[in-house]
Amino acid sequence: MSPDALSVSLRALSFVVLLQASGVATFVALHRPYLSGSGTAIRRFGLMSALIAMPVLVAQYLLEAARMADDIRGIFDPSLQRLAWATALAGTLEWRIAGVVLVACALAGVTATRAVLGLIGSAVIAVSFALMGHTSVSAWRPVLAPLLIIHVYVAAFWFGALPALYLVTRREAPDRAGRVIAAFSRYAIRLVPVLAIAGLVMSVILIRRAAVFTEPYGWLLSAKVIGFVALLVLASQNRSRLGPAVAAGKPTGFRRALTAEYVLIAAVLAATACMTTFFSPNE
């Protein structure tokens, strides 16, 4: 596998495990009193995601030297490693590792203090995404950075909640599971529009020519939009029909919808990894 292909694969995986761990920590912090039967399994899943994220992040950034050399052996070139670590990569890695460590510590226990720690770690992870990439070099960075942080935080909230809700339907009584789903829906109905608005405003600012939609960046962005619309359709079904059915002891449709949402968001994250690795909206 070429360094570029390996790098984008690791970046996609890092997005998945980072946002998963962050979202689980947020879910636990918001719903902790209602997770008597599923809390341990949810925290264990989030902690596993955080622990996987650490070596994946380190490997991803070590691989930047190989990309510079266009050869996997570049990993072992000290001069290229020094060059790579003199960029924004080092700061981004430090923030992400710090955020993951905070999330891991939060998910290792059940106290209110740990819950707050998880929210802080999730925020640190979201901030790390604004430290490099297209938004960090734009003249509009004072506007784009907060929008990106909000966009990432809400995306993590949504993504991490999916496996958590799945475990809730497996380990909680139907009436309690129904209450957790209803509580999550109340948050989601307010936050998901924020996700869409932040993404739209960033796209309007970053994309300055219509021709970009005839190029790979535009194709991937269009695929992300289609995926988001499909997610909204599934989320609407969950809120109006499938979620309430869980309280009636019929969780199968809800679980299938959660699985579909998870796959769609993972695909969107993979598309984002390709966009941020290989393409620019203004090239």
Protein backbone atom coordinates (compact mmCIF):
# COMPACT_ATOMS: atom_id res chain seq x y z
CA MET A 1 0.00 0.00 0.00
CA SER A 2 1.31 3.46 -0.90
CA PRO A 3 1.99 5.99 1.89
CA ASP A 4 -0.89 8.16 0.66
CA ALA A 5 -3.40 5.29 0.69
CA LEU A 6 -2.23 4.15 4.11
CA SER A 7 -2.35 7.70 5.42
CA VAL A 8 -5.92 8.34 4.30
CA SER A 9 -7.00 4.98 5.73
CA LEU A 10 -5.48 5.85 9.10
CA ARG A 11 -7.01 9.32 9.00
CA ALA A 12 -10.45 7.89 8.33
CA LEU A 13 -10.01 5.38 11.16
CA SER A 14 -8.80 8.14 13.49
CA PHE A 15 -11.90 10.22 12.70
CA VAL A 16 -14.13 7.24 13.50
CA VAL A 17 -12.54 6.32 16.83
CA LEU A 18 -11.99 9.94 17.92
CA LEU A 19 -15.56 11.05 17.29
CA GLN A 20 -16.88 7.77 18.67
CA ALA A 21 -15.00 8.14 21.96
CA SER A 22 -15.90 11.83 22.19
CA GLY A 23 -19.57 11.19 21.47
CA VAL A 24 -19.83 8.34 23.95
CA ALA A 25 -18.32 10.56 26.67
CA THR A 26 -20.88 13.26 25.88
CA PHE A 27 -23.73 10.72 25.84
CA VAL A 28 -22.70 9.35 29.24
CA ALA A 29 -22.42 12.84 30.71
CA LEU A 30 -25.90 13.79 29.50
CA HIS A 31 -27.72 10.54 30.32
CA ARG A 32 -25.71 9.10 33.23
CA PRO A 33 -28.65 8.85 35.70
CA TYR A 34 -30.66 6.69 33.26
CA LEU A 35 -27.98 4.13 32.38
CA SER A 36 -28.27 1.72 35.30
CA GLY A 37 -28.18 -1.39 33.13
CA SER A 38 -26.15 -0.22 30.14
CA GLY A 39 -23.74 2.34 31.60
CA THR A 40 -20.85 -0.06 32.14
CA ALA A 41 -21.03 -1.49 28.62
CA ILE A 42 -21.32 1.98 27.06
CA ARG A 43 -18.35 3.32 29.00
CA ARG A 44 -16.31 0.23 28.12
CA PHE A 45 -17.07 0.73 24.43
CA GLY A 46 -16.08 4.40 24.58
CA LEU A 47 -12.91 3.60 26.52
CA MET A 48 -11.94 0.99 23.93
CA SER A 49 -12.43 3.59 21.18
CA ALA A 50 -10.22 6.06 23.04
CA LEU A 51 -7.47 3.49 23.58
CA ILE A 52 -7.55 2.51 19.89
CA ALA A 53 -7.38 6.19 18.90
CA MET A 54 -4.02 6.79 20.60
CA PRO A 55 -1.79 4.46 18.50
CA VAL A 56 -3.79 5.25 15.35
CA LEU A 57 -3.11 8.97 15.82
CA VAL A 58 0.61 8.43 16.42
CA ALA A 59 0.88 6.14 13.38
CA GLN A 60 -0.99 8.62 11.20
CA TYR A 61 1.36 11.46 12.02
CA LEU A 62 4.53 9.36 11.81
CA LEU A 63 3.41 8.45 8.31
CA GLU A 64 3.60 12.07 7.14
CA ALA A 65 7.35 11.65 6.62
CA ALA A 66 6.67 8.68 4.36
CA ARG A 67 4.24 10.79 2.34
CA MET A 68 6.93 13.43 1.89
CA ALA A 69 9.34 10.79 0.61
CA ASP A 70 6.64 8.97 -1.37
CA ASP A 71 8.08 5.85 0.17
CA ILE A 72 7.10 3.99 3.33
CA ARG A 73 10.78 3.99 4.36
CA GLY A 74 10.53 7.73 4.88
CA ILE A 75 9.15 6.93 8.34
CA PHE A 76 12.71 6.13 9.37
CA ASP A 77 14.23 9.34 7.95
CA PRO A 78 15.00 11.64 10.93
CA SER A 79 15.25 14.76 8.78
CA LEU A 80 11.81 14.19 7.26
CA GLN A 81 10.33 13.45 10.66
CA ARG A 82 11.74 16.71 12.00
CA LEU A 83 10.26 18.53 9.02
CA ALA A 84 6.87 16.92 9.54
CA TRP A 85 6.83 17.69 13.24
CA ALA A 86 7.72 21.34 12.60
CA THR A 87 4.28 21.81 11.01
CA ALA A 88 0.84 22.14 12.57
CA LEU A 89 0.75 18.34 12.75
CA ALA A 90 2.54 18.25 16.09
CA GLY A 91 0.17 20.69 17.78
CA THR A 92 -2.86 18.91 16.41
CA LEU A 93 -1.58 15.55 17.63
CA GLU A 94 -0.89 16.95 21.10
CA TRP A 95 -4.42 18.35 21.39
CA ARG A 96 -6.02 15.14 20.16
CA ILE A 97 -3.98 12.93 22.47
CA ALA A 98 -4.80 15.24 25.39
CA GLY A 99 -8.50 15.11 24.54
CA VAL A 100 -8.48 11.33 24.18
CA VAL A 101 -6.70 10.92 27.53
CA LEU A 102 -9.31 13.11 29.24
CA VAL A 103 -12.12 11.12 27.62
CA ALA A 104 -10.50 7.82 28.63
CA CYS A 105 -10.15 9.00 32.23
CA ALA A 106 -13.77 10.14 32.22
CA LEU A 107 -15.06 6.81 30.93
CA ALA A 108 -13.09 4.86 33.52
CA GLY A 109 -15.53 5.91 36.25
CA VAL A 110 -19.09 7.04 36.96
CA THR A 111 -18.83 10.20 39.07
CA ALA A 112 -20.16 13.63 38.10
CA THR A 113 -16.59 14.94 38.06
CA ARG A 114 -15.62 12.34 35.48
CA ALA A 115 -18.65 13.26 33.39
CA VAL A 116 -17.48 16.89 33.29
CA LEU A 117 -13.99 15.66 32.40
CA GLY A 118 -15.48 13.80 29.44
CA LEU A 119 -17.19 16.95 28.18
CA ILE A 120 -13.92 18.86 28.44
CA GLY A 121 -12.03 16.11 26.60
CA SER A 122 -14.66 16.09 23.86
CA ALA A 123 -14.29 19.86 23.48
CA VAL A 124 -10.49 19.55 23.26
CA ILE A 125 -10.85 16.95 20.48
CA ALA A 126 -13.23 19.24 18.58
CA VAL A 127 -10.84 22.19 18.91
CA SER A 128 -7.99 20.09 17.47
CA PHE A 129 -9.78 19.95 14.12
CA ALA A 130 -9.47 23.73 13.76
CA LEU A 131 -5.69 23.70 14.18
CA MET A 132 -4.92 22.52 10.65
CA GLY A 133 -6.58 22.06 7.29
CA HIS A 134 -8.41 24.39 4.91
CA THR A 135 -10.04 26.49 7.63
CA SER A 136 -6.76 27.16 9.45
CA VAL A 137 -5.14 28.91 6.46
CA SER A 138 -8.17 30.88 5.34
CA ALA A 139 -8.48 34.63 5.84
CA TRP A 140 -11.89 33.79 7.32
CA ARG A 141 -10.37 31.67 10.08
CA PRO A 142 -11.95 33.72 12.95
CA VAL A 143 -15.34 32.70 11.56
CA LEU A 144 -14.46 29.26 10.23
CA ALA A 145 -12.68 27.92 13.33
CA PRO A 146 -15.67 28.27 15.73
CA LEU A 147 -18.00 26.87 13.06
CA LEU A 148 -15.74 23.86 12.51
CA ILE A 149 -15.44 23.21 16.24
CA ILE A 150 -19.22 23.29 16.63
CA HIS A 151 -19.65 21.11 13.53
CA VAL A 152 -17.23 18.47 14.82
CA TYR A 153 -18.62 18.49 18.36
CA VAL A 154 -22.21 17.94 17.20
CA ALA A 155 -21.11 15.28 14.69
CA ALA A 156 -19.32 13.46 17.52
CA PHE A 157 -22.41 13.80 19.75
CA TRP A 158 -24.53 12.14 17.06
CA PHE A 159 -22.01 9.46 16.03
CA GLY A 160 -21.08 8.39 19.55
CA ALA A 161 -24.72 8.19 20.59
CA LEU A 162 -25.52 5.51 17.99
CA PRO A 163 -23.63 2.58 19.57
CA ALA A 164 -24.61 3.88 23.00
CA LEU A 165 -28.32 3.83 22.11
CA TYR A 166 -27.93 0.37 20.60
CA LEU A 167 -26.54 -0.87 23.92
CA VAL A 168 -29.35 0.89 25.78
CA THR A 169 -31.93 -1.10 23.80
CA ARG A 170 -30.04 -4.29 24.63
CA ARG A 171 -29.46 -3.78 28.34
CA GLU A 172 -32.21 -1.54 29.67
CA ALA A 173 -35.87 -2.35 30.28
CA PRO A 174 -38.09 -1.14 27.41
CA ASP A 175 -39.65 1.74 29.37
CA ARG A 176 -36.26 3.01 30.56
CA ALA A 177 -34.76 2.62 27.08
CA GLY A 178 -37.67 4.61 25.70
CA ARG A 179 -36.98 7.43 28.17
CA VAL A 180 -33.29 7.54 27.19
CA ILE A 181 -34.18 7.65 23.49
CA ALA A 182 -36.70 10.43 24.09
CA ALA A 183 -34.13 12.43 26.09
CA PHE A 184 -31.53 12.02 23.34
CA SER A 185 -34.08 13.08 20.71
CA ARG A 186 -34.74 16.31 22.59
CA TYR A 187 -31.04 17.18 22.38
CA ALA A 188 -30.71 16.02 18.79
CA ILE A 189 -33.63 18.02 17.41
CA ARG A 190 -31.89 21.20 18.61
CA LEU A 191 -28.30 20.30 17.73
CA VAL A 192 -28.60 18.64 14.31
CA PRO A 193 -29.79 21.85 12.60
CA VAL A 194 -26.72 23.56 14.10
CA LEU A 195 -24.56 20.88 12.46
CA ALA A 196 -26.19 21.57 9.08
CA ILE A 197 -25.97 25.36 9.37
CA ALA A 198 -22.30 25.29 10.39
CA GLY A 199 -21.45 22.98 7.49
CA LEU A 200 -23.37 25.13 5.01
CA VAL A 201 -21.74 28.39 6.11
CA MET A 202 -18.26 26.84 5.96
CA SER A 203 -18.92 25.54 2.45
CA VAL A 204 -20.16 28.93 1.25
CA ILE A 205 -17.04 30.62 2.61
CA LEU A 206 -14.52 28.04 1.40
CA ILE A 207 -15.95 27.33 -2.06
CA ARG A 208 -15.47 30.37 -4.26
CA ARG A 209 -16.08 28.86 -7.69
CA ALA A 210 -18.89 26.67 -9.02
CA ALA A 211 -16.44 24.58 -11.05
CA VAL A 212 -15.32 22.85 -7.86
CA PHE A 213 -18.40 20.61 -8.16
CA THR A 214 -16.95 19.12 -11.36
CA GLU A 215 -13.79 18.12 -9.46
CA PRO A 216 -13.03 15.43 -6.84
CA TYR A 217 -13.46 17.82 -3.90
CA GLY A 218 -16.91 18.79 -5.12
CA TRP A 219 -17.88 15.18 -5.79
CA LEU A 220 -16.92 14.17 -2.26
CA LEU A 221 -18.72 17.18 -0.80
CA SER A 222 -21.84 16.28 -2.78
CA ALA A 223 -21.60 12.71 -1.51
CA LYS A 224 -21.42 14.05 2.07
CA VAL A 225 -24.53 16.16 1.51
CA ILE A 226 -26.43 13.16 0.10
CA GLY A 227 -25.31 11.09 3.09
CA PHE A 228 -26.46 13.82 5.48
CA VAL A 229 -29.90 13.98 3.85
CA ALA A 230 -30.21 10.20 4.17
CA LEU A 231 -29.23 10.51 7.84
CA LEU A 232 -31.96 13.09 8.40
CA VAL A 233 -34.53 10.73 6.90
CA LEU A 234 -33.42 7.91 9.20
CA ALA A 235 -33.32 10.20 12.23
CA SER A 236 -36.84 11.40 11.46
CA GLN A 237 -38.07 7.79 11.34
CA ASN A 238 -36.35 7.08 14.65
CA ARG A 239 -37.94 10.06 16.35
CA SER A 240 -41.47 9.66 15.02
CA ARG A 241 -41.94 5.89 14.81
CA LEU A 242 -39.04 3.56 15.59
CA GLY A 243 -37.89 5.19 18.84
CA PRO A 244 -41.32 5.12 20.51
CA ALA A 245 -41.67 1.46 19.46
CA VAL A 246 -38.72 0.58 21.72
CA ALA A 247 -40.76 1.52 24.81
CA ALA A 248 -43.42 -0.89 23.57
CA GLY A 249 -40.86 -3.72 23.47
CA LYS A 250 -40.21 -3.59 19.71
CA PRO A 251 -36.57 -2.44 19.29
CA THR A 252 -35.63 -4.30 16.07
CA GLY A 253 -36.46 -1.51 13.62
CA PHE A 254 -34.73 1.08 15.79
CA ARG A 255 -31.56 -1.02 16.00
CA ARG A 256 -31.49 -1.46 12.23
CA ALA A 257 -31.88 2.28 11.73
CA LEU A 258 -29.04 2.94 14.21
CA THR A 259 -26.80 0.54 12.27
CA ALA A 260 -27.64 2.28 8.99
CA GLU A 261 -26.92 5.70 10.52
CA TYR A 262 -23.60 4.43 11.88
CA VAL A 263 -22.52 3.13 8.45
CA LEU A 264 -23.57 6.37 6.75
CA ILE A 265 -21.68 8.59 9.20
CA ALA A 266 -18.59 6.37 8.95
CA ALA A 267 -18.79 6.73 5.15
CA VAL A 268 -19.07 10.52 5.49
CA LEU A 269 -16.01 10.52 7.75
CA ALA A 270 -14.10 8.46 5.17
CA ALA A 271 -15.07 10.98 2.48
CA THR A 272 -13.90 13.79 4.77
CA ALA A 273 -10.57 12.02 5.25
CA CYS A 274 -10.10 11.87 1.46
CA MET A 275 -11.07 15.52 1.04
CA THR A 276 -8.72 16.79 3.72
CA THR A 277 -5.81 14.58 2.63
CA PHE A 278 -5.79 15.02 -1.14
CA PHE A 279 -7.94 17.95 -2.24
CA SER A 280 -8.67 21.63 -1.66
CA PRO A 281 -11.81 23.62 -2.49
CA ASN A 282 -9.75 26.31 -4.24
CA GLU A 283 -7.24 24.34 -6.29
